[in-house]
Amino acid sequence: MDTKTNFYTIYSQKLAGFLMMNGLPLIRLTPDSKRENKNSFIFANNEKLHSLMDRWQIERNKNSK
């Protein structure tokens, strides 16, 4: 996979929790400058991140039906 940057920002707390529960380490937690009282979750941009995000999307779609 060609990753253009070394880091990937997640804005969903639920998705960030899912990623961490599945072994992906959080690099940094920062306040979101655009959304008051929200955070941005910074992860390494790699194959495992994108694989887990795909899995998250599939599971969310199953549960919403």
Protein backbone atom coordinates (compact mmCIF):
# COMPACT_ATOMS: atom_id res chain seq x y z
CA MET A 1 0.00 0.00 0.00
CA ASP A 2 1.29 3.43 -0.89
CA THR A 3 0.87 5.64 2.15
CA LYS A 4 1.35 9.32 1.40
CA THR A 5 1.86 10.30 5.04
CA ASN A 6 3.13 8.47 8.07
CA PHE A 7 0.09 9.40 10.19
CA TYR A 8 -3.66 9.08 9.82
CA THR A 9 -6.19 11.15 11.79
CA ILE A 10 -9.39 9.56 13.08
CA TYR A 11 -12.20 11.81 14.31
CA SER A 12 -14.55 9.10 15.62
CA GLN A 13 -14.01 8.10 19.24
CA LYS A 14 -15.79 4.79 18.64
CA LEU A 15 -13.57 3.91 15.68
CA ALA A 16 -10.45 4.95 17.60
CA GLY A 17 -11.51 2.70 20.48
CA PHE A 18 -12.08 -0.20 18.10
CA LEU A 19 -8.62 0.29 16.59
CA MET A 20 -6.95 0.37 20.00
CA MET A 21 -8.91 -2.66 21.24
CA ASN A 22 -7.58 -4.54 18.22
CA GLY A 23 -3.95 -3.78 18.97
CA LEU A 24 -3.26 -0.59 17.05
CA PRO A 25 -1.33 1.85 19.24
CA LEU A 26 -2.50 5.43 19.50
CA ILE A 27 0.32 7.80 18.52
CA ARG A 28 -1.22 11.02 19.79
CA LEU A 29 -4.49 12.42 21.11
CA THR A 30 -5.07 16.09 20.30
CA PRO A 31 -7.97 18.50 20.77
CA ASP A 32 -9.86 19.02 17.52
CA SER A 33 -9.44 22.64 16.46
CA LYS A 34 -12.58 22.59 14.31
CA ARG A 35 -14.97 20.85 16.71
CA GLU A 36 -15.21 22.13 20.27
CA ASN A 37 -14.99 19.47 23.02
CA LYS A 38 -13.89 16.81 20.49
CA ASN A 39 -10.58 15.06 19.96
CA SER A 40 -8.50 13.85 17.04
CA PHE A 41 -6.85 10.45 17.31
CA ILE A 42 -3.55 10.04 15.46
CA PHE A 43 -2.48 6.56 14.32
CA ALA A 44 0.36 5.24 12.15
CA ASN A 45 -0.80 5.10 8.54
CA ASN A 46 -0.18 1.47 7.62
CA GLU A 47 -1.77 -1.67 6.22
CA LYS A 48 -3.06 -2.83 9.63
CA LEU A 49 -4.89 0.47 10.17
CA HIS A 50 -6.68 0.25 6.83
CA SER A 51 -7.49 -3.42 7.31
CA LEU A 52 -9.07 -2.71 10.70
CA MET A 53 -10.99 0.27 9.30
CA ASP A 54 -12.39 -2.00 6.55
CA ARG A 55 -13.40 -4.54 9.22
CA TRP A 56 -15.04 -1.78 11.29
CA GLN A 57 -17.09 -0.67 8.29
CA ILE A 58 -18.23 -4.22 7.52
CA GLU A 59 -19.26 -4.83 11.14
CA ARG A 60 -21.11 -1.50 11.32
CA ASN A 61 -23.02 -2.32 8.15
CA LYS A 62 -23.99 -5.76 9.51
CA ASN A 63 -25.25 -4.27 12.78
CA SER A 64 -27.26 -1.51 11.11
CA LYS A 65 -29.50 -3.95 9.19
